Protein backbone atom coordinates (compact mmCIF):
# COMPACT_ATOMS: atom_id res chain seq x y z
CA UNK A 1 -76.56 -51.76 -10.02
CA UNK A 2 -74.34 -48.68 -10.59
CA UNK A 3 -70.55 -48.49 -9.80
CA UNK A 4 -69.92 -47.05 -6.53
CA UNK A 5 -67.92 -43.60 -6.71
CA UNK A 6 -65.36 -42.93 -4.36
CA UNK A 7 -64.19 -39.32 -3.94
CA UNK A 8 -60.84 -38.04 -2.61
CA UNK A 9 -61.58 -35.65 0.45
CA UNK A 10 -61.20 -32.03 -0.43
CA UNK A 11 -58.31 -31.39 2.05
CA UNK A 12 -56.35 -34.11 0.34
CA UNK A 13 -57.21 -32.65 -3.05
CA UNK A 14 -55.52 -29.48 -1.90
CA UNK A 15 -52.40 -31.49 -0.77
CA UNK A 16 -52.20 -33.14 -4.34
CA UNK A 17 -52.40 -29.87 -5.97
CA UNK A 18 -49.40 -28.22 -3.92
CA UNK A 19 -46.25 -28.19 -6.06
CA UNK A 20 -44.12 -29.29 -3.03
CA UNK A 21 -46.03 -32.48 -2.49
CA UNK A 22 -44.31 -35.76 -3.27
CA UNK A 23 -46.32 -38.04 -5.40
CA UNK A 24 -45.63 -41.58 -6.33
CA UNK A 25 -47.06 -43.98 -8.65
CA UNK A 26 -47.02 -47.75 -7.51
CA UNK A 27 -47.93 -50.43 -10.23
CA UNK A 28 -47.47 -54.26 -10.25
CA UNK A 29 -46.79 -56.63 -13.12
CA UNK A 30 -49.17 -59.28 -14.05
CA UNK A 31 -47.09 -61.66 -11.88
CA UNK A 32 -47.25 -59.23 -8.88
CA UNK A 33 -43.79 -57.65 -9.02
CA UNK A 34 -44.20 -53.98 -7.59
CA UNK A 35 -42.67 -51.02 -9.29
CA UNK A 36 -42.79 -47.48 -7.87
CA UNK A 37 -41.90 -44.12 -9.52
CA UNK A 38 -41.98 -40.42 -8.40
CA UNK A 39 -43.96 -38.50 -11.08
CA UNK A 40 -44.54 -34.74 -10.97
CA UNK A 41 -47.42 -35.12 -13.47
CA UNK A 42 -49.54 -36.87 -11.07
CA UNK A 43 -52.85 -34.88 -10.59
CA UNK A 44 -56.57 -35.26 -9.50
CA UNK A 45 -58.63 -33.43 -11.98
CA UNK A 46 -61.84 -34.40 -10.22
CA UNK A 47 -62.33 -35.99 -6.87
CA UNK A 48 -63.08 -39.44 -8.26
CA UNK A 49 -60.17 -39.43 -10.81
CA UNK A 50 -56.51 -39.49 -10.88
CA UNK A 51 -54.21 -38.84 -13.90
CA UNK A 52 -50.48 -39.22 -14.47
CA UNK A 53 -48.61 -38.18 -17.86
CA UNK A 54 -46.61 -41.08 -19.58
CA UNK A 55 -43.19 -39.57 -19.52
CA UNK A 56 -40.43 -42.20 -19.45
CA UNK A 57 -42.88 -44.63 -17.91
CA UNK A 58 -41.84 -47.87 -19.65
CA UNK A 59 -42.35 -50.20 -16.93
CA UNK A 60 -45.16 -48.59 -15.23
CA UNK A 61 -47.14 -48.54 -18.66
CA UNK A 62 -46.30 -52.22 -19.35
CA UNK A 63 -47.55 -52.88 -15.83
CA UNK A 64 -50.76 -50.81 -16.13
CA UNK A 65 -51.57 -52.53 -19.50
CA UNK A 66 -51.27 -56.14 -17.84
CA UNK A 67 -52.61 -55.08 -14.44
CA UNK A 68 -54.85 -52.03 -14.02
CA UNK A 69 -54.68 -51.80 -10.28
CA UNK A 70 -52.38 -49.07 -8.86
CA UNK A 71 -51.80 -46.90 -6.16
CA UNK A 72 -50.69 -43.28 -5.54
CA UNK A 73 -48.83 -42.32 -2.54
CA UNK A 74 -49.20 -38.57 -1.66
CA UNK A 75 -46.70 -37.31 0.81
CA UNK A 76 -46.47 -33.85 2.51
CA UNK A 77 -44.44 -33.60 5.69
CA UNK A 78 -45.71 -36.00 8.35
CA UNK A 79 -49.07 -36.46 6.29
CA UNK A 80 -49.41 -39.13 3.72
CA UNK A 81 -52.16 -40.60 1.82
CA UNK A 82 -52.60 -43.68 -0.36
CA UNK A 83 -54.99 -43.46 -3.18
CA UNK A 84 -55.91 -46.91 -4.53
CA UNK A 85 -57.07 -46.83 -8.13
CA UNK A 86 -57.97 -48.81 -11.20
CA UNK A 87 -56.58 -47.50 -14.79
CA UNK A 88 -59.68 -47.09 -17.01
CA UNK A 89 -58.00 -45.36 -20.11
CA UNK A 90 -54.76 -44.50 -21.84
CA UNK A 91 -55.31 -41.40 -23.84
CA UNK A 92 -52.88 -40.50 -26.63
CA UNK A 93 -55.12 -37.38 -27.95
CA UNK A 94 -57.55 -35.04 -26.84
CA UNK A 95 -57.95 -32.22 -24.24
CA UNK A 96 -56.49 -34.20 -21.46
CA UNK A 97 -53.15 -34.74 -23.08
CA UNK A 98 -53.15 -31.22 -24.47
CA UNK A 99 -53.68 -29.86 -20.83
CA UNK A 100 -50.95 -32.28 -19.47
CA UNK A 101 -48.44 -31.21 -22.12
CA UNK A 102 -49.13 -27.55 -21.50
CA UNK A 103 -48.09 -28.10 -17.90
CA UNK A 104 -45.04 -30.29 -18.59
CA UNK A 105 -43.62 -27.79 -21.32
CA UNK A 106 -42.58 -25.62 -18.40
CA UNK A 107 -40.10 -28.33 -17.28
CA UNK A 108 -39.05 -29.26 -20.75
CA UNK A 109 -40.98 -32.62 -20.89
CA UNK A 110 -43.81 -34.13 -23.00
CA UNK A 111 -46.19 -37.10 -22.19
CA UNK A 112 -46.87 -39.77 -25.04
CA UNK A 113 -50.06 -40.43 -23.18
CA UNK A 114 -52.21 -39.65 -20.28
CA UNK A 115 -53.25 -42.59 -17.92
CA UNK A 116 -56.68 -41.95 -16.36
CA UNK A 117 -57.72 -43.80 -13.10
CA UNK A 118 -60.91 -44.38 -11.11
CA UNK A 119 -60.50 -43.82 -7.51
CA UNK A 120 -61.20 -47.02 -5.34
CA UNK A 121 -60.22 -45.99 -1.90
CA UNK A 122 -58.15 -43.57 0.15
CA UNK A 123 -56.27 -44.20 3.19
CA UNK A 124 -54.26 -42.08 5.69
CA UNK A 125 -50.60 -43.29 5.75
CA UNK A 126 -48.92 -40.74 7.66
CA UNK A 127 -46.55 -40.97 10.65
CA UNK A 128 -49.12 -41.45 13.47
CA UNK A 129 -51.35 -44.25 14.97
CA UNK A 130 -53.99 -43.45 12.49
CA UNK A 131 -51.85 -44.86 9.62
CA UNK A 132 -53.93 -47.34 7.56
CA UNK A 133 -57.19 -45.63 8.37
CA UNK A 134 -59.51 -45.66 5.52
CA UNK A 135 -60.92 -42.17 4.66
CA UNK A 136 -62.97 -42.80 1.50
C-alpha cells in the first residue's frame, strides 16, 4: 500500500510564497518539550513538501533529529494555517541547499543544511469560528 500524499491547497501555497507572511517552525524534543522559531527560509517547493534552511537552528535541528514530527504556522493578517509535517531528510549538499543559499545570500545568511518535510495535514487556524478545520 502506497503512502498517502497530502497537498497544500493552491491559495495557501500563494500565502507561503508572499514575502510579508510570517512563518513559524514548531518542533518538539524526544520528551515532548515544544520549541518554536520564526524562519524566513520556510518554503513549499511543491504542494506536498515543506523545507527550511538550517540557519542558527541548534535546538530545532536537535529536536528534528530526535523527533521528526513538526508543524509550520503560516500567518497572514487574520488568516493562519497549520501545516503538520514529518521530516524526511537533512540535506547538506545538492541543488536544494544551493537554491536555499542563493536566496539567503540577499540577507547575508547561509544555511548549513536544508530540512525537507512531507506534508501530513493542513488546518485553518485563523481568527474565525472555522479555526481548527482540516483543509487537507
